[in-house]
Amino acid sequence: MFQLNRANIAYGDQVALRNISLHIEAGERVAFIGPSGAGKTTLLKTLYEQRPQDASFVHQHYALVPQLTAFHNVYMGRLDRYSVWKNLHNLVWPRRDTKTEILPLLDDFGLASFAFQRVGALSGGQQQRTAIARAIYRDSDVMFADEPVSSVDPHQAGMVLERIMKSQQTVILSLHAVELALEFAQRIIGLRLGSITFDLPANQVSPSHLARLYQPC
């Protein structure tokens, strides 16, 4: 489904990924972990660009339209699939069938009472959950998510990740919280200084693997 073979990615003189080889099959739940600056975001975007038409992407900084409501931001997940007339109708006066689809999804993320508030007025955690709801609403084969629970508390983080895993066939994400990666992903890829340090089933990742991954430079 997604494959890289000895890939090197650089931005100017700065190498972001070095000699990356991996293959991800449909149905996998994969988490990238590693220190800040390890190349997790770059690897997510590189894989996403192979099949953007089949995937949704939850950006680390949400990529929402602050002037629009949470409802309308979620609706934008399918904006390219509907006619101009239907899009205008939902922008001005949301249709009943569209509300039936989106409002329960917002409720799943504790956002039902904020559905028609401007998303720019919501908290960071609420905005992050709106971005995830939008990605789920897109109903793609694959979800990429860059630190999707960085702005929510630990209890909410578990609920959000559980909802993501239930809604998507294939999930590829980066996580700062190692314990969440080990709990919710089936496969863990450790990145350090732009290189893959290990690529293992979650139940085979040991404390020594993690110690080497996060040791000071």
N, C-alpha and C. Protein backbone atom coordinates (compact mmCIF):
# COMPACT_ATOMS: atom_id res chain seq x y z
N MET A 1 0.83 -1.22 0.00
CA MET A 1 0.00 0.00 0.00
C MET A 1 0.86 1.27 0.00
N PHE A 2 1.83 1.31 0.93
CA PHE A 2 2.80 2.41 0.97
C PHE A 2 4.19 1.79 1.07
N GLN A 3 5.12 2.35 0.32
CA GLN A 3 6.46 1.76 0.30
C GLN A 3 7.51 2.83 0.05
N LEU A 4 8.61 2.70 0.76
CA LEU A 4 9.80 3.51 0.52
C LEU A 4 10.99 2.58 0.45
N ASN A 5 11.91 2.87 -0.44
CA ASN A 5 13.10 2.04 -0.60
C ASN A 5 14.34 2.92 -0.60
N ARG A 6 15.02 2.92 0.53
CA ARG A 6 16.25 3.70 0.69
C ARG A 6 16.03 5.18 0.37
N ALA A 7 14.93 5.72 0.86
CA ALA A 7 14.57 7.10 0.57
C ALA A 7 15.37 8.07 1.42
N ASN A 8 15.77 9.17 0.80
CA ASN A 8 16.43 10.28 1.49
C ASN A 8 15.64 11.54 1.18
N ILE A 9 15.27 12.27 2.21
CA ILE A 9 14.51 13.51 2.04
C ILE A 9 15.30 14.64 2.69
N ALA A 10 15.50 15.72 1.94
CA ALA A 10 16.25 16.86 2.47
C ALA A 10 15.52 18.15 2.15
N TYR A 11 15.68 19.13 3.02
CA TYR A 11 15.19 20.49 2.80
C TYR A 11 16.42 21.39 2.72
N GLY A 12 16.79 21.73 1.49
CA GLY A 12 18.04 22.45 1.31
C GLY A 12 19.21 21.58 1.71
N ASP A 13 20.02 22.07 2.62
CA ASP A 13 21.18 21.30 3.09
C ASP A 13 20.85 20.41 4.29
N GLN A 14 19.63 20.51 4.78
CA GLN A 14 19.25 19.76 5.99
C GLN A 14 18.57 18.44 5.60
N VAL A 15 19.18 17.34 5.99
CA VAL A 15 18.61 16.02 5.70
C VAL A 15 17.59 15.68 6.78
N ALA A 16 16.34 15.41 6.34
CA ALA A 16 15.27 15.09 7.29
C ALA A 16 15.11 13.59 7.48
N LEU A 17 15.29 12.82 6.39
CA LEU A 17 15.17 11.37 6.45
C LEU A 17 16.35 10.75 5.72
N ARG A 18 16.90 9.68 6.29
CA ARG A 18 18.10 9.05 5.74
C ARG A 18 17.86 7.56 5.49
N ASN A 19 17.97 7.17 4.24
CA ASN A 19 17.98 5.74 3.88
C ASN A 19 16.79 4.99 4.49
N ILE A 20 15.59 5.52 4.26
CA ILE A 20 14.38 4.95 4.84
C ILE A 20 13.80 3.88 3.91
N SER A 21 13.65 2.68 4.42
CA SER A 21 12.99 1.59 3.70
C SER A 21 11.89 1.02 4.59
N LEU A 22 10.67 1.00 4.08
CA LEU A 22 9.57 0.39 4.83
C LEU A 22 8.42 0.08 3.88
N HIS A 23 7.55 -0.81 4.34
CA HIS A 23 6.36 -1.18 3.58
C HIS A 23 5.21 -1.28 4.57
N ILE A 24 4.10 -0.61 4.26
CA ILE A 24 2.93 -0.64 5.12
C ILE A 24 1.75 -1.19 4.33
N GLU A 25 1.13 -2.23 4.88
CA GLU A 25 0.00 -2.89 4.22
C GLU A 25 -1.33 -2.29 4.68
N ALA A 26 -2.36 -2.47 3.86
CA ALA A 26 -3.71 -2.07 4.25
C ALA A 26 -4.11 -2.80 5.53
N GLY A 27 -4.79 -2.08 6.42
CA GLY A 27 -5.26 -2.67 7.67
C GLY A 27 -4.31 -2.55 8.83
N GLU A 28 -3.11 -2.05 8.61
CA GLU A 28 -2.15 -1.91 9.71
C GLU A 28 -2.45 -0.66 10.54
N ARG A 29 -2.10 -0.73 11.81
CA ARG A 29 -2.11 0.42 12.72
C ARG A 29 -0.67 0.67 13.13
N VAL A 30 -0.08 1.73 12.59
CA VAL A 30 1.35 1.98 12.73
C VAL A 30 1.57 3.30 13.46
N ALA A 31 2.46 3.31 14.43
CA ALA A 31 2.81 4.54 15.15
C ALA A 31 4.30 4.82 14.98
N PHE A 32 4.61 6.07 14.66
CA PHE A 32 6.00 6.55 14.64
C PHE A 32 6.27 7.22 15.97
N ILE A 33 7.35 6.83 16.62
CA ILE A 33 7.76 7.48 17.87
C ILE A 33 9.22 7.90 17.74
N GLY A 34 9.64 8.77 18.64
CA GLY A 34 11.03 9.22 18.63
C GLY A 34 11.13 10.64 19.14
N PRO A 35 12.34 11.11 19.38
CA PRO A 35 12.53 12.46 19.91
C PRO A 35 12.04 13.52 18.93
N SER A 36 11.85 14.72 19.41
CA SER A 36 11.51 15.85 18.54
C SER A 36 12.60 16.02 17.49
N GLY A 37 12.17 16.29 16.26
CA GLY A 37 13.12 16.48 15.18
C GLY A 37 13.64 15.20 14.58
N ALA A 38 13.04 14.06 14.94
CA ALA A 38 13.53 12.77 14.44
C ALA A 38 13.13 12.50 13.00
N GLY A 39 12.12 13.24 12.50
CA GLY A 39 11.65 13.03 11.12
C GLY A 39 10.27 12.42 11.02
N LYS A 40 9.53 12.37 12.14
CA LYS A 40 8.22 11.72 12.14
C LYS A 40 7.23 12.42 11.22
N THR A 41 7.16 13.74 11.32
CA THR A 41 6.22 14.49 10.48
C THR A 41 6.59 14.37 9.01
N THR A 42 7.87 14.47 8.71
CA THR A 42 8.32 14.35 7.32
C THR A 42 7.98 12.98 6.75
N LEU A 43 8.15 11.94 7.54
CA LEU A 43 7.83 10.59 7.07
C LEU A 43 6.32 10.45 6.84
N LEU A 44 5.50 10.97 7.74
CA LEU A 44 4.06 10.93 7.54
C LEU A 44 3.67 11.61 6.23
N LYS A 45 4.18 12.80 6.00
CA LYS A 45 3.81 13.56 4.80
C LYS A 45 4.32 12.88 3.54
N THR A 46 5.51 12.29 3.61
CA THR A 46 6.07 11.59 2.45
C THR A 46 5.18 10.41 2.06
N LEU A 47 4.72 9.66 3.03
CA LEU A 47 3.83 8.53 2.74
C LEU A 47 2.47 9.00 2.26
N TYR A 48 1.92 10.02 2.89
CA TYR A 48 0.63 10.56 2.49
C TYR A 48 0.64 11.00 1.03
N GLU A 49 1.72 11.61 0.61
CA GLU A 49 1.79 12.12 -0.77
C GLU A 49 1.80 11.02 -1.82
N GLN A 50 1.99 9.78 -1.40
CA GLN A 50 1.91 8.68 -2.36
C GLN A 50 0.47 8.41 -2.80
N ARG A 51 -0.50 8.64 -1.89
CA ARG A 51 -1.90 8.34 -2.21
C ARG A 51 -2.84 9.33 -1.53
N PRO A 52 -2.70 10.62 -1.79
CA PRO A 52 -3.53 11.61 -1.08
C PRO A 52 -5.02 11.46 -1.37
N GLN A 53 -5.36 10.92 -2.53
CA GLN A 53 -6.77 10.77 -2.88
C GLN A 53 -7.47 9.71 -2.04
N ASP A 54 -6.70 8.83 -1.42
CA ASP A 54 -7.26 7.73 -0.63
C ASP A 54 -7.12 7.95 0.87
N ALA A 55 -6.66 9.12 1.27
CA ALA A 55 -6.30 9.30 2.68
C ALA A 55 -6.82 10.63 3.23
N SER A 56 -6.94 10.67 4.54
CA SER A 56 -7.16 11.92 5.26
C SER A 56 -5.93 12.19 6.11
N PHE A 57 -5.73 13.46 6.48
CA PHE A 57 -4.54 13.84 7.23
C PHE A 57 -4.94 14.79 8.35
N VAL A 58 -4.60 14.42 9.57
CA VAL A 58 -4.81 15.30 10.73
C VAL A 58 -3.49 16.01 11.00
N HIS A 59 -3.48 17.31 10.75
CA HIS A 59 -2.25 18.09 10.89
C HIS A 59 -1.99 18.42 12.36
N GLN A 60 -0.73 18.57 12.67
CA GLN A 60 -0.33 18.87 14.05
C GLN A 60 -0.93 20.20 14.52
N HIS A 61 -1.08 21.14 13.58
CA HIS A 61 -1.64 22.45 13.93
C HIS A 61 -3.06 22.61 13.39
N TYR A 62 -3.72 21.48 13.15
CA TYR A 62 -5.16 21.36 12.90
C TYR A 62 -5.60 21.74 11.48
N ALA A 63 -5.07 22.83 10.90
CA ALA A 63 -5.43 23.27 9.54
C ALA A 63 -6.94 23.48 9.40
N LEU A 64 -7.53 24.11 10.39
CA LEU A 64 -8.96 24.45 10.35
C LEU A 64 -9.16 25.86 9.80
N VAL A 65 -10.39 26.18 9.46
CA VAL A 65 -10.75 27.55 9.04
C VAL A 65 -11.38 28.23 10.25
N PRO A 66 -10.67 29.13 10.92
CA PRO A 66 -11.14 29.66 12.21
C PRO A 66 -12.44 30.43 12.12
N GLN A 67 -12.75 31.01 10.95
CA GLN A 67 -13.96 31.81 10.82
C GLN A 67 -15.22 30.94 10.70
N LEU A 68 -15.04 29.66 10.37
CA LEU A 68 -16.18 28.76 10.21
C LEU A 68 -16.47 28.01 11.51
N THR A 69 -17.67 27.47 11.62
CA THR A 69 -18.05 26.72 12.80
C THR A 69 -17.38 25.34 12.79
N ALA A 70 -17.46 24.67 13.94
CA ALA A 70 -16.95 23.29 14.01
C ALA A 70 -17.70 22.41 13.02
N PHE A 71 -19.01 22.58 12.93
CA PHE A 71 -19.82 21.81 11.98
C PHE A 71 -19.30 21.98 10.56
N HIS A 72 -19.09 23.21 10.14
CA HIS A 72 -18.67 23.47 8.77
C HIS A 72 -17.24 23.00 8.51
N ASN A 73 -16.38 23.07 9.51
CA ASN A 73 -15.03 22.53 9.34
C ASN A 73 -15.07 21.03 9.13
N VAL A 74 -15.91 20.34 9.86
CA VAL A 74 -16.05 18.90 9.65
C VAL A 74 -16.61 18.63 8.26
N TYR A 75 -17.61 19.38 7.86
CA TYR A 75 -18.21 19.20 6.53
C TYR A 75 -17.17 19.33 5.42
N MET A 76 -16.17 20.16 5.63
CA MET A 76 -15.14 20.37 4.61
C MET A 76 -14.34 19.10 4.31
N GLY A 77 -14.46 18.11 5.18
CA GLY A 77 -13.81 16.84 4.89
C GLY A 77 -14.32 16.19 3.62
N ARG A 78 -15.54 16.53 3.21
CA ARG A 78 -16.10 15.96 1.97
C ARG A 78 -16.44 17.04 0.94
N LEU A 79 -15.89 18.22 1.12
CA LEU A 79 -16.24 19.34 0.24
C LEU A 79 -16.03 19.01 -1.23
N ASP A 80 -14.96 18.28 -1.53
CA ASP A 80 -14.64 17.99 -2.94
C ASP A 80 -15.52 16.89 -3.54
N ARG A 81 -16.36 16.28 -2.75
CA ARG A 81 -17.20 15.18 -3.24
C ARG A 81 -18.61 15.62 -3.62
N TYR A 82 -18.98 16.85 -3.24
CA TYR A 82 -20.34 17.31 -3.45
C TYR A 82 -20.38 18.44 -4.48
N SER A 83 -21.58 18.69 -4.97
CA SER A 83 -21.79 19.75 -5.95
C SER A 83 -21.62 21.13 -5.31
N VAL A 84 -21.39 22.12 -6.14
CA VAL A 84 -21.29 23.50 -5.64
C VAL A 84 -22.59 23.89 -4.95
N TRP A 85 -23.72 23.48 -5.53
CA TRP A 85 -25.02 23.83 -4.94
C TRP A 85 -25.16 23.25 -3.54
N LYS A 86 -24.82 21.96 -3.38
CA LYS A 86 -24.95 21.34 -2.05
C LYS A 86 -24.00 21.99 -1.06
N ASN A 87 -22.80 22.33 -1.49
CA ASN A 87 -21.84 22.99 -0.59
C ASN A 87 -22.35 24.35 -0.14
N LEU A 88 -22.90 25.13 -1.07
CA LEU A 88 -23.44 26.45 -0.72
C LEU A 88 -24.64 26.32 0.22
N HIS A 89 -25.48 25.34 -0.05
CA HIS A 89 -26.66 25.11 0.79
C HIS A 89 -26.24 24.82 2.22
N ASN A 90 -25.25 23.95 2.38
CA ASN A 90 -24.80 23.58 3.72
C ASN A 90 -24.05 24.70 4.41
N LEU A 91 -23.43 25.57 3.64
CA LEU A 91 -22.74 26.71 4.24
C LEU A 91 -23.75 27.70 4.82
N VAL A 92 -24.83 27.95 4.09
CA VAL A 92 -25.80 28.95 4.50
C VAL A 92 -26.86 28.36 5.45
N TRP A 93 -27.38 27.17 5.10
CA TRP A 93 -28.45 26.55 5.87
C TRP A 93 -28.25 25.05 5.83
N PRO A 94 -27.52 24.49 6.79
CA PRO A 94 -27.18 23.06 6.73
C PRO A 94 -28.39 22.16 6.54
N ARG A 95 -28.25 21.22 5.63
CA ARG A 95 -29.32 20.28 5.33
C ARG A 95 -29.52 19.29 6.48
N ARG A 96 -30.73 18.78 6.59
CA ARG A 96 -31.04 17.84 7.66
C ARG A 96 -30.20 16.58 7.56
N ASP A 97 -30.04 16.05 6.33
CA ASP A 97 -29.27 14.81 6.19
C ASP A 97 -27.82 15.01 6.55
N THR A 98 -27.28 16.19 6.25
CA THR A 98 -25.88 16.47 6.60
C THR A 98 -25.72 16.60 8.11
N LYS A 99 -26.67 17.27 8.76
CA LYS A 99 -26.61 17.38 10.22
C LYS A 99 -26.73 16.01 10.88
N THR A 100 -27.53 15.13 10.29
CA THR A 100 -27.67 13.77 10.83
C THR A 100 -26.36 13.00 10.77
N GLU A 101 -25.52 13.32 9.78
CA GLU A 101 -24.21 12.68 9.66
C GLU A 101 -23.18 13.28 10.61
N ILE A 102 -23.16 14.60 10.70
CA ILE A 102 -22.06 15.28 11.38
C ILE A 102 -22.29 15.46 12.88
N LEU A 103 -23.50 15.78 13.30
CA LEU A 103 -23.72 16.07 14.72
C LEU A 103 -23.41 14.89 15.63
N PRO A 104 -23.80 13.65 15.27
CA PRO A 104 -23.40 12.52 16.14
C PRO A 104 -21.88 12.34 16.20
N LEU A 105 -21.19 12.65 15.12
CA LEU A 105 -19.73 12.54 15.11
C LEU A 105 -19.13 13.58 16.06
N LEU A 106 -19.63 14.80 16.01
CA LEU A 106 -19.16 15.82 16.95
C LEU A 106 -19.48 15.42 18.38
N ASP A 107 -20.63 14.81 18.58
CA ASP A 107 -21.01 14.36 19.92
C ASP A 107 -20.03 13.31 20.44
N ASP A 108 -19.55 12.44 19.56
CA ASP A 108 -18.56 11.43 19.95
C ASP A 108 -17.32 12.07 20.57
N PHE A 109 -17.01 13.28 20.14
CA PHE A 109 -15.82 13.97 20.62
C PHE A 109 -16.14 15.06 21.64
N GLY A 110 -17.35 15.02 22.18
CA GLY A 110 -17.72 16.00 23.20
C GLY A 110 -17.89 17.40 22.67
N LEU A 111 -18.28 17.51 21.39
CA LEU A 111 -18.34 18.82 20.74
C LEU A 111 -19.73 19.20 20.28
N ALA A 112 -20.74 18.42 20.65
CA ALA A 112 -22.09 18.68 20.15
C ALA A 112 -22.58 20.08 20.52
N SER A 113 -22.28 20.53 21.73
CA SER A 113 -22.76 21.84 22.16
C SER A 113 -21.97 22.99 21.53
N PHE A 114 -20.87 22.67 20.86
CA PHE A 114 -20.05 23.69 20.20
C PHE A 114 -20.16 23.63 18.68
N ALA A 115 -21.10 22.82 18.18
CA ALA A 115 -21.16 22.53 16.75
C ALA A 115 -21.25 23.79 15.90
N PHE A 116 -22.01 24.78 16.36
CA PHE A 116 -22.23 25.98 15.53
C PHE A 116 -21.54 27.20 16.12
N GLN A 117 -20.47 26.96 16.87
CA GLN A 117 -19.60 28.04 17.30
C GLN A 117 -18.40 28.13 16.37
N ARG A 118 -17.90 29.35 16.21
CA ARG A 118 -16.70 29.54 15.39
C ARG A 118 -15.57 28.73 15.98
N VAL A 119 -14.88 27.97 15.14
CA VAL A 119 -13.84 27.09 15.66
C VAL A 119 -12.66 27.88 16.21
N GLY A 120 -12.47 29.10 15.71
CA GLY A 120 -11.39 29.93 16.22
C GLY A 120 -11.57 30.34 17.66
N ALA A 121 -12.81 30.24 18.17
CA ALA A 121 -13.09 30.60 19.56
C ALA A 121 -12.98 29.40 20.49
N LEU A 122 -12.73 28.22 19.95
CA LEU A 122 -12.65 27.02 20.77
C LEU A 122 -11.24 26.83 21.33
N SER A 123 -11.13 26.01 22.35
CA SER A 123 -9.82 25.72 22.94
C SER A 123 -8.99 24.86 21.99
N GLY A 124 -7.70 24.75 22.30
CA GLY A 124 -6.82 23.93 21.46
C GLY A 124 -7.26 22.48 21.40
N GLY A 125 -7.68 21.93 22.54
CA GLY A 125 -8.13 20.55 22.56
C GLY A 125 -9.40 20.36 21.74
N GLN A 126 -10.32 21.33 21.83
CA GLN A 126 -11.55 21.25 21.04
C GLN A 126 -11.26 21.37 19.55
N GLN A 127 -10.32 22.22 19.20
CA GLN A 127 -9.94 22.35 17.79
C GLN A 127 -9.31 21.06 17.28
N GLN A 128 -8.47 20.46 18.11
CA GLN A 128 -7.83 19.21 17.69
C GLN A 128 -8.87 18.12 17.46
N ARG A 129 -9.85 18.02 18.33
CA ARG A 129 -10.90 17.02 18.17
C ARG A 129 -11.76 17.31 16.94
N THR A 130 -11.95 18.60 16.63
CA THR A 130 -12.68 18.96 15.41
C THR A 130 -11.91 18.49 14.18
N ALA A 131 -10.61 18.67 14.19
CA ALA A 131 -9.78 18.23 13.06
C ALA A 131 -9.85 16.72 12.87
N ILE A 132 -9.88 15.98 13.98
CA ILE A 132 -9.98 14.52 13.89
C ILE A 132 -11.36 14.12 13.36
N ALA A 133 -12.41 14.79 13.85
CA ALA A 133 -13.76 14.51 13.36
C ALA A 133 -13.85 14.77 11.85
N ARG A 134 -13.23 15.83 11.39
CA ARG A 134 -13.21 16.11 9.95
C ARG A 134 -12.54 14.98 9.17
N ALA A 135 -11.42 14.50 9.68
CA ALA A 135 -10.71 13.41 8.99
C ALA A 135 -11.55 12.14 8.96
N ILE A 136 -12.25 11.84 10.05
CA ILE A 136 -13.11 10.66 10.08
C ILE A 136 -14.28 10.84 9.11
N TYR A 137 -14.86 12.05 9.09
CA TYR A 137 -15.99 12.32 8.20
C TYR A 137 -15.60 12.15 6.73
N ARG A 138 -14.36 12.39 6.41
CA ARG A 138 -13.91 12.22 5.03
C ARG A 138 -14.08 10.77 4.56
N ASP A 139 -14.06 9.82 5.51
CA ASP A 139 -14.34 8.43 5.21
C ASP A 139 -13.36 7.86 4.18
N SER A 140 -12.07 8.09 4.41
CA SER A 140 -11.03 7.59 3.51
C SER A 140 -10.57 6.21 3.96
N ASP A 141 -9.82 5.56 3.09
CA ASP A 141 -9.28 4.24 3.42
C ASP A 141 -8.21 4.32 4.49
N VAL A 142 -7.49 5.45 4.52
CA VAL A 142 -6.33 5.59 5.40
C VAL A 142 -6.41 6.92 6.14
N MET A 143 -6.04 6.91 7.41
CA MET A 143 -5.87 8.16 8.14
C MET A 143 -4.42 8.32 8.56
N PHE A 144 -3.85 9.47 8.22
CA PHE A 144 -2.56 9.89 8.74
C PHE A 144 -2.84 10.94 9.81
N ALA A 145 -2.15 10.85 10.93
CA ALA A 145 -2.38 11.80 12.02
C ALA A 145 -1.05 12.16 12.67
N ASP A 146 -0.77 13.46 12.71
CA ASP A 146 0.48 13.96 13.27
C ASP A 146 0.22 14.49 14.67
N GLU A 147 0.64 13.73 15.67
CA GLU A 147 0.43 14.08 17.08
C GLU A 147 -1.04 14.43 17.34
N PRO A 148 -1.98 13.50 17.09
CA PRO A 148 -3.40 13.85 17.15
C PRO A 148 -3.97 14.07 18.54
N VAL A 149 -3.23 13.75 19.60
CA VAL A 149 -3.76 13.94 20.96
C VAL A 149 -2.84 14.83 21.79
N SER A 150 -2.08 15.68 21.15
CA SER A 150 -1.12 16.52 21.87
C SER A 150 -1.79 17.58 22.73
N SER A 151 -3.04 17.93 22.42
CA SER A 151 -3.72 19.03 23.15
C SER A 151 -4.85 18.55 24.04
N VAL A 152 -4.95 17.25 24.26
CA VAL A 152 -6.02 16.73 25.13
C VAL A 152 -5.41 16.03 26.33
N ASP A 153 -6.20 15.86 27.39
CA ASP A 153 -5.68 15.22 28.60
C ASP A 153 -5.57 13.71 28.37
N PRO A 154 -4.85 13.01 29.27
CA PRO A 154 -4.61 11.58 29.05
C PRO A 154 -5.88 10.74 28.90
N HIS A 155 -6.91 11.05 29.67
CA HIS A 155 -8.16 10.29 29.56
C HIS A 155 -8.80 10.50 28.19
N GLN A 156 -8.86 11.75 27.77
CA GLN A 156 -9.42 12.05 26.45
C GLN A 156 -8.57 11.44 25.35
N ALA A 157 -7.26 11.43 25.54
CA ALA A 157 -6.36 10.88 24.53
C ALA A 157 -6.70 9.43 24.22
N GLY A 158 -6.92 8.64 25.25
CA GLY A 158 -7.27 7.25 25.03
C GLY A 158 -8.58 7.11 24.30
N MET A 159 -9.57 7.91 24.67
CA MET A 159 -10.87 7.85 24.00
C MET A 159 -10.76 8.26 22.53
N VAL A 160 -9.99 9.30 22.26
CA VAL A 160 -9.82 9.78 20.88
C VAL A 160 -9.13 8.72 20.03
N LEU A 161 -8.05 8.14 20.55
CA LEU A 161 -7.34 7.13 19.78
C LEU A 161 -8.20 5.89 19.55
N GLU A 162 -8.98 5.51 20.54
CA GLU A 162 -9.89 4.37 20.37
C GLU A 162 -10.90 4.65 19.26
N ARG A 163 -11.41 5.89 19.22
CA ARG A 163 -12.38 6.27 18.18
C ARG A 163 -11.73 6.26 16.80
N ILE A 164 -10.50 6.73 16.71
CA ILE A 164 -9.78 6.70 15.44
C ILE A 164 -9.60 5.28 14.96
N MET A 165 -9.15 4.41 15.84
CA MET A 165 -8.88 3.02 15.44
C MET A 165 -10.15 2.30 15.01
N LYS A 166 -11.29 2.63 15.62
CA LYS A 166 -12.54 1.99 15.25
C LYS A 166 -13.06 2.47 13.91
N SER A 167 -12.72 3.69 13.54
CA SER A 167 -13.32 4.30 12.35
C SER A 167 -12.53 4.08 11.07
N GLN A 168 -11.26 3.69 11.19
CA GLN A 168 -10.40 3.62 10.02
C GLN A 168 -9.84 2.22 9.81
N GLN A 169 -9.74 1.83 8.55
CA GLN A 169 -9.14 0.53 8.24
C GLN A 169 -7.64 0.56 8.47
N THR A 170 -7.00 1.64 8.02
CA THR A 170 -5.55 1.77 8.12
C THR A 170 -5.23 3.08 8.82
N VAL A 171 -4.38 3.04 9.84
CA VAL A 171 -4.02 4.25 10.59
C VAL A 171 -2.50 4.32 10.68
N ILE A 172 -1.96 5.49 10.31
CA ILE A 172 -0.52 5.75 10.40
C ILE A 172 -0.38 7.08 11.14
N LEU A 173 0.25 7.06 12.29
CA LEU A 173 0.30 8.28 13.08
C LEU A 173 1.64 8.44 13.79
N SER A 174 1.89 9.65 14.22
CA SER A 174 3.04 9.92 15.09
C SER A 174 2.50 10.26 16.47
N LEU A 175 3.22 9.80 17.49
CA LEU A 175 2.79 10.05 18.86
C LEU A 175 3.99 10.39 19.72
N HIS A 176 3.81 11.39 20.56
CA HIS A 176 4.84 11.74 21.54
C HIS A 176 4.78 10.80 22.74
N ALA A 177 3.56 10.39 23.09
CA ALA A 177 3.37 9.54 24.27
C ALA A 177 3.60 8.08 23.91
N VAL A 178 4.72 7.54 24.34
CA VAL A 178 5.10 6.17 23.99
C VAL A 178 4.07 5.17 24.51
N GLU A 179 3.55 5.39 25.72
CA GLU A 179 2.61 4.43 26.29
C GLU A 179 1.33 4.33 25.46
N LEU A 180 0.90 5.44 24.86
CA LEU A 180 -0.28 5.41 23.99
C LEU A 180 0.03 4.68 22.69
N ALA A 181 1.20 4.90 22.16
CA ALA A 181 1.60 4.19 20.94
C ALA A 181 1.60 2.69 21.17
N LEU A 182 2.15 2.25 22.28
CA LEU A 182 2.22 0.82 22.58
C LEU A 182 0.84 0.22 22.83
N GLU A 183 -0.08 1.03 23.36
CA GLU A 183 -1.42 0.53 23.66
C GLU A 183 -2.30 0.43 22.43
N PHE A 184 -2.21 1.41 21.53
CA PHE A 184 -3.19 1.50 20.45
C PHE A 184 -2.66 1.07 19.07
N ALA A 185 -1.36 1.07 18.87
CA ALA A 185 -0.82 0.65 17.57
C ALA A 185 -0.40 -0.81 17.62
N GLN A 186 -0.40 -1.43 16.47
CA GLN A 186 0.07 -2.81 16.36
C GLN A 186 1.55 -2.87 16.01
N ARG A 187 2.03 -1.83 15.36
CA ARG A 187 3.41 -1.80 14.86
C ARG A 187 4.03 -0.46 15.24
N ILE A 188 5.24 -0.50 15.77
CA ILE A 188 5.93 0.71 16.22
C ILE A 188 7.21 0.89 15.40
N ILE A 189 7.36 2.08 14.85
CA ILE A 189 8.59 2.43 14.12
C ILE A 189 9.28 3.55 14.89
N GLY A 190 10.47 3.27 15.37
CA GLY A 190 11.24 4.25 16.12
C GLY A 190 12.16 5.03 15.20
N LEU A 191 12.06 6.35 15.27
CA LEU A 191 12.88 7.24 14.43
C LEU A 191 13.80 8.08 15.30
N ARG A 192 15.03 8.20 14.85
CA ARG A 192 16.03 9.00 15.55
C ARG A 192 16.96 9.62 14.51
N LEU A 193 17.08 10.95 14.55
CA LEU A 193 17.97 11.67 13.64
C LEU A 193 17.71 11.30 12.18
N GLY A 194 16.44 11.13 11.84
CA GLY A 194 16.06 10.88 10.45
C GLY A 194 16.21 9.46 9.98
N SER A 195 16.56 8.54 10.86
CA SER A 195 16.74 7.14 10.48
C SER A 195 15.85 6.23 11.32
N ILE A 196 15.49 5.08 10.77
CA ILE A 196 14.71 4.11 11.51
C ILE A 196 15.64 3.33 12.44
N THR A 197 15.34 3.41 13.74
CA THR A 197 16.11 2.69 14.75
C THR A 197 15.57 1.28 14.95
N PHE A 198 14.25 1.15 14.94
CA PHE A 198 13.64 -0.19 15.00
C PHE A 198 12.27 -0.14 14.35
N ASP A 199 11.79 -1.30 13.92
CA ASP A 199 10.48 -1.46 13.31
C ASP A 199 9.95 -2.81 13.80
N LEU A 200 9.06 -2.75 14.81
CA LEU A 200 8.69 -3.97 15.54
C LEU A 200 7.19 -4.00 15.86
N PRO A 201 6.63 -5.20 16.05
CA PRO A 201 5.30 -5.29 16.65
C PRO A 201 5.32 -4.62 18.02
N ALA A 202 4.22 -3.99 18.39
CA ALA A 202 4.19 -3.24 19.65
C ALA A 202 4.56 -4.10 20.84
N ASN A 203 4.15 -5.36 20.83
CA ASN A 203 4.43 -6.21 21.99
C ASN A 203 5.87 -6.70 22.06
N GLN A 204 6.68 -6.32 21.07
CA GLN A 204 8.10 -6.69 21.09
C GLN A 204 9.02 -5.51 21.38
N VAL A 205 8.45 -4.34 21.58
CA VAL A 205 9.27 -3.17 21.89
C VAL A 205 9.65 -3.23 23.37
N SER A 206 10.93 -3.24 23.65
CA SER A 206 11.42 -3.40 25.02
C SER A 206 11.92 -2.08 25.60
N PRO A 207 12.09 -2.01 26.91
CA PRO A 207 12.68 -0.82 27.51
C PRO A 207 14.05 -0.48 26.93
N SER A 208 14.84 -1.48 26.55
CA SER A 208 16.16 -1.19 25.97
C SER A 208 16.03 -0.54 24.60
N HIS A 209 15.03 -0.95 23.82
CA HIS A 209 14.78 -0.28 22.54
C HIS A 209 14.48 1.20 22.77
N LEU A 210 13.62 1.47 23.74
CA LEU A 210 13.22 2.85 24.01
C LEU A 210 14.37 3.66 24.58
N ALA A 211 15.19 3.04 25.42
CA ALA A 211 16.34 3.75 25.99
C ALA A 211 17.30 4.19 24.90
N ARG A 212 17.55 3.31 23.94
CA ARG A 212 18.45 3.68 22.83
C ARG A 212 17.84 4.76 21.95
N LEU A 213 16.51 4.67 21.76
CA LEU A 213 15.83 5.65 20.90
C LEU A 213 15.89 7.05 21.49
N TYR A 214 15.73 7.16 22.80
CA TYR A 214 15.62 8.47 23.44
C TYR A 214 16.89 8.89 24.18
N GLN A 215 17.99 8.18 23.98
CA GLN A 215 19.22 8.58 24.66
C GLN A 215 19.68 9.95 24.15
N PRO A 216 20.27 10.77 25.03
CA PRO A 216 20.72 12.10 24.62
C PRO A 216 21.72 12.02 23.48
N CYS A 217 21.65 12.99 22.59
CA CYS A 217 22.59 13.03 21.45
C CYS A 217 23.99 13.39 21.93
